[in-house]
């Protein structure tokens, strides 16, 4: 059974930092590239960052320079370090690969 289990998130003031984690199990981790997404109420889901099997990364313009995606292949862990958070970063955040999604974790940034 494939699982992507997220942890981290929570509430922080503007300018603060949070780290999201995503623990993968039930499949060969390197089989899929991984990514982070978010969805705010009333808005479409937004792709934030992706990391590929060769370690290359890509970011949405909205988070470039503030968020960092990383992974630990041996631990089957995916991370999203979020710095300089803004109120507009408030959303439900999800990790995912090409087939599976994490359960989501709420990030709330207050001004």
C-alpha atoms as a PDB file:
ATOM      1  CA  UNK A   1       0.000   0.000   0.000  1.00  0.00           C
ATOM      2  CA  UNK A   2       1.381   3.360  -1.071  1.00  0.00           C
ATOM      3  CA  UNK A   3       1.278   6.134   1.475  1.00  0.00           C
ATOM      4  CA  UNK A   4       2.420   9.728   1.489  1.00  0.00           C
ATOM      5  CA  UNK A   5       2.100  11.000   5.043  1.00  0.00           C
ATOM      6  CA  UNK A   6       2.630  14.668   5.669  1.00  0.00           C
ATOM      7  CA  UNK A   7       3.721  16.459   8.803  1.00  0.00           C
ATOM      8  CA  UNK A   8       4.644  19.994   9.724  1.00  0.00           C
ATOM      9  CA  UNK A   9       2.710  23.089   8.850  1.00  0.00           C
ATOM     10  CA  UNK A  10       0.713  25.161  11.284  1.00  0.00           C
ATOM     11  CA  UNK A  11       0.399  28.865  11.967  1.00  0.00           C
ATOM     12  CA  UNK A  12       3.111  31.482  11.716  1.00  0.00           C
ATOM     13  CA  UNK A  13       3.400  35.238  11.451  1.00  0.00           C
ATOM     14  CA  UNK A  14       4.358  36.950   8.246  1.00  0.00           C
ATOM     15  CA  UNK A  15       8.077  36.660   7.630  1.00  0.00           C
ATOM     16  CA  UNK A  16       8.319  33.409   9.546  1.00  0.00           C
ATOM     17  CA  UNK A  17       9.387  29.952   8.447  1.00  0.00           C
ATOM     18  CA  UNK A  18       7.913  26.481   8.420  1.00  0.00           C
ATOM     19  CA  UNK A  19       9.054  23.110   7.162  1.00  0.00           C
ATOM     20  CA  UNK A  20       6.770  20.505   5.688  1.00  0.00           C
ATOM     21  CA  UNK A  21       7.704  16.845   5.554  1.00  0.00           C
ATOM     22  CA  UNK A  22       6.285  14.000   3.503  1.00  0.00           C
ATOM     23  CA  UNK A  23       7.094  10.377   4.336  1.00  0.00           C
ATOM     24  CA  UNK A  24       6.694   7.945   1.461  1.00  0.00           C
ATOM     25  CA  UNK A  25       6.163   4.227   1.802  1.00  0.00           C
ATOM     26  CA  UNK A  26       4.952   1.260  -0.195  1.00  0.00           C
ATOM     27  CA  UNK A  27       6.861   1.907  -3.395  1.00  0.00           C
ATOM     28  CA  UNK A  28      10.341   2.466  -4.749  1.00  0.00           C
ATOM     29  CA  UNK A  29      10.854   6.106  -3.839  1.00  0.00           C
ATOM     30  CA  UNK A  30      13.101   6.930  -6.781  1.00  0.00           C
ATOM     31  CA  UNK A  31      10.459   5.609  -9.167  1.00  0.00           C
ATOM     32  CA  UNK A  32       8.663   8.954  -9.196  1.00  0.00           C
ATOM     33  CA  UNK A  33       9.590  12.586  -9.145  1.00  0.00           C
ATOM     34  CA  UNK A  34       8.012  14.420  -6.245  1.00  0.00           C
ATOM     35  CA  UNK A  35       6.338  17.761  -5.835  1.00  0.00           C
ATOM     36  CA  UNK A  36       4.556  20.139  -3.518  1.00  0.00           C
ATOM     37  CA  UNK A  37       1.243  21.776  -4.285  1.00  0.00           C
ATOM     38  CA  UNK A  38      -1.146  24.040  -2.460  1.00  0.00           C
ATOM     39  CA  UNK A  39      -4.745  25.082  -2.678  1.00  0.00           C
ATOM     40  CA  UNK A  40      -6.305  28.072  -1.016  1.00  0.00           C
ATOM     41  CA  UNK A  41     -10.063  28.377  -0.514  1.00  0.00           C
ATOM     42  CA  UNK A  42     -11.753  29.418  -3.718  1.00  0.00           C
ATOM     43  CA  UNK A  43      -8.568  29.082  -5.740  1.00  0.00           C
ATOM     44  CA  UNK A  44      -7.195  26.468  -8.080  1.00  0.00           C
ATOM     45  CA  UNK A  45      -4.513  24.050  -6.988  1.00  0.00           C
ATOM     46  CA  UNK A  46      -1.048  25.498  -7.593  1.00  0.00           C
ATOM     47  CA  UNK A  47       2.135  23.579  -8.240  1.00  0.00           C
ATOM     48  CA  UNK A  48       4.923  25.009  -6.099  1.00  0.00           C
ATOM     49  CA  UNK A  49       8.034  22.927  -6.500  1.00  0.00           C
ATOM     50  CA  UNK A  50       9.235  19.661  -7.939  1.00  0.00           C
ATOM     51  CA  UNK A  51      12.322  17.547  -7.518  1.00  0.00           C
ATOM     52  CA  UNK A  52      13.413  14.981 -10.059  1.00  0.00           C
ATOM     53  CA  UNK A  53      15.325  11.741  -9.763  1.00  0.00           C
ATOM     54  CA  UNK A  54      18.567  13.445 -10.758  1.00  0.00           C
ATOM     55  CA  UNK A  55      18.111  16.004  -7.991  1.00  0.00           C
ATOM     56  CA  UNK A  56      17.192  18.923 -10.186  1.00  0.00           C
ATOM     57  CA  UNK A  57      14.472  21.188  -8.892  1.00  0.00           C
ATOM     58  CA  UNK A  58      11.991  23.642 -10.279  1.00  0.00           C
ATOM     59  CA  UNK A  59       9.854  26.268  -8.579  1.00  0.00           C
ATOM     60  CA  UNK A  60       6.822  28.377  -9.265  1.00  0.00           C
ATOM     61  CA  UNK A  61       7.581  32.068  -9.548  1.00  0.00           C
ATOM     62  CA  UNK A  62       5.381  32.715  -6.520  1.00  0.00           C
ATOM     63  CA  UNK A  63       7.742  30.833  -4.208  1.00  0.00           C
ATOM     64  CA  UNK A  64      11.084  30.996  -5.977  1.00  0.00           C
ATOM     65  CA  UNK A  65      13.792  32.223  -3.642  1.00  0.00           C
ATOM     66  CA  UNK A  66      11.652  31.626  -0.544  1.00  0.00           C
ATOM     67  CA  UNK A  67      10.827  27.908  -0.646  1.00  0.00           C
ATOM     68  CA  UNK A  68      13.254  25.029  -1.008  1.00  0.00           C
ATOM     69  CA  UNK A  69      12.317  21.474  -1.941  1.00  0.00           C
ATOM     70  CA  UNK A  70      14.612  18.651  -0.911  1.00  0.00           C
ATOM     71  CA  UNK A  71      14.535  14.929  -0.369  1.00  0.00           C
ATOM     72  CA  UNK A  72      16.310  12.168   1.446  1.00  0.00           C
ATOM     73  CA  UNK A  73      16.113   9.144  -0.806  1.00  0.00           C
ATOM     74  CA  UNK A  74      17.402   6.766   1.838  1.00  0.00           C
ATOM     75  CA  UNK A  75      14.697   7.842   4.289  1.00  0.00           C
ATOM     76  CA  UNK A  76      12.053   8.233   1.570  1.00  0.00           C
ATOM     77  CA  UNK A  77      11.386  11.741   2.822  1.00  0.00           C
ATOM     78  CA  UNK A  78      10.413  14.859   0.947  1.00  0.00           C
ATOM     79  CA  UNK A  79      10.708  18.317   2.483  1.00  0.00           C
ATOM     80  CA  UNK A  80       9.589  21.840   1.768  1.00  0.00           C
ATOM     81  CA  UNK A  81      11.397  24.572   3.658  1.00  0.00           C
ATOM     82  CA  UNK A  82       9.323  27.728   3.540  1.00  0.00           C
ATOM     83  CA  UNK A  83      10.929  31.018   4.493  1.00  0.00           C
ATOM     84  CA  UNK A  84       9.758  34.624   4.361  1.00  0.00           C
ATOM     85  CA  UNK A  85       6.171  33.455   4.516  1.00  0.00           C
ATOM     86  CA  UNK A  86       3.427  35.833   3.469  1.00  0.00           C
ATOM     87  CA  UNK A  87      -0.303  35.865   4.253  1.00  0.00           C
ATOM     88  CA  UNK A  88      -0.965  34.881   0.648  1.00  0.00           C
ATOM     89  CA  UNK A  89       0.893  31.626   1.308  1.00  0.00           C
ATOM     90  CA  UNK A  90      -2.012  30.531   3.482  1.00  0.00           C
ATOM     91  CA  UNK A  91      -3.389  27.316   1.985  1.00  0.00           C
ATOM     92  CA  UNK A  92      -3.628  23.570   2.292  1.00  0.00           C
ATOM     93  CA  UNK A  93      -0.349  22.069   1.180  1.00  0.00           C
ATOM     94  CA  UNK A  94       0.064  18.670  -0.438  1.00  0.00           C
ATOM     95  CA  UNK A  95       2.961  16.452  -1.427  1.00  0.00           C
ATOM     96  CA  UNK A  96       2.465  14.225  -4.427  1.00  0.00           C
ATOM     97  CA  UNK A  97       4.060  12.077  -7.033  1.00  0.00           C
ATOM     98  CA  UNK A  98       2.603  11.151 -10.404  1.00  0.00           C
ATOM     99  CA  UNK A  99       0.040   8.841  -8.869  1.00  0.00           C
ATOM    100  CA  UNK A 100      -0.445   9.558  -5.203  1.00  0.00           C
ATOM    101  CA  UNK A 101      -1.183  12.486  -2.908  1.00  0.00           C
ATOM    102  CA  UNK A 102      -0.498  13.196   0.711  1.00  0.00           C
ATOM    103  CA  UNK A 103      -3.345  13.968   3.062  1.00  0.00           C
ATOM    104  CA  UNK A 104      -2.657  17.685   3.119  1.00  0.00           C
ATOM    105  CA  UNK A 105      -1.524  20.000   5.867  1.00  0.00           C
ATOM    106  CA  UNK A 106      -2.728  23.497   6.644  1.00  0.00           C
ATOM    107  CA  UNK A 107      -0.379  26.465   6.581  1.00  0.00           C
ATOM    108  CA  UNK A 108      -1.711  29.743   7.920  1.00  0.00           C
ATOM    109  CA  UNK A 109       0.309  32.951   7.778  1.00  0.00           C
ATOM    110  CA  UNK A 110      -0.976  35.929   9.715  1.00  0.00           C
ATOM    111  CA  UNK A 111      -0.034  39.515   9.017  1.00  0.00           C
END
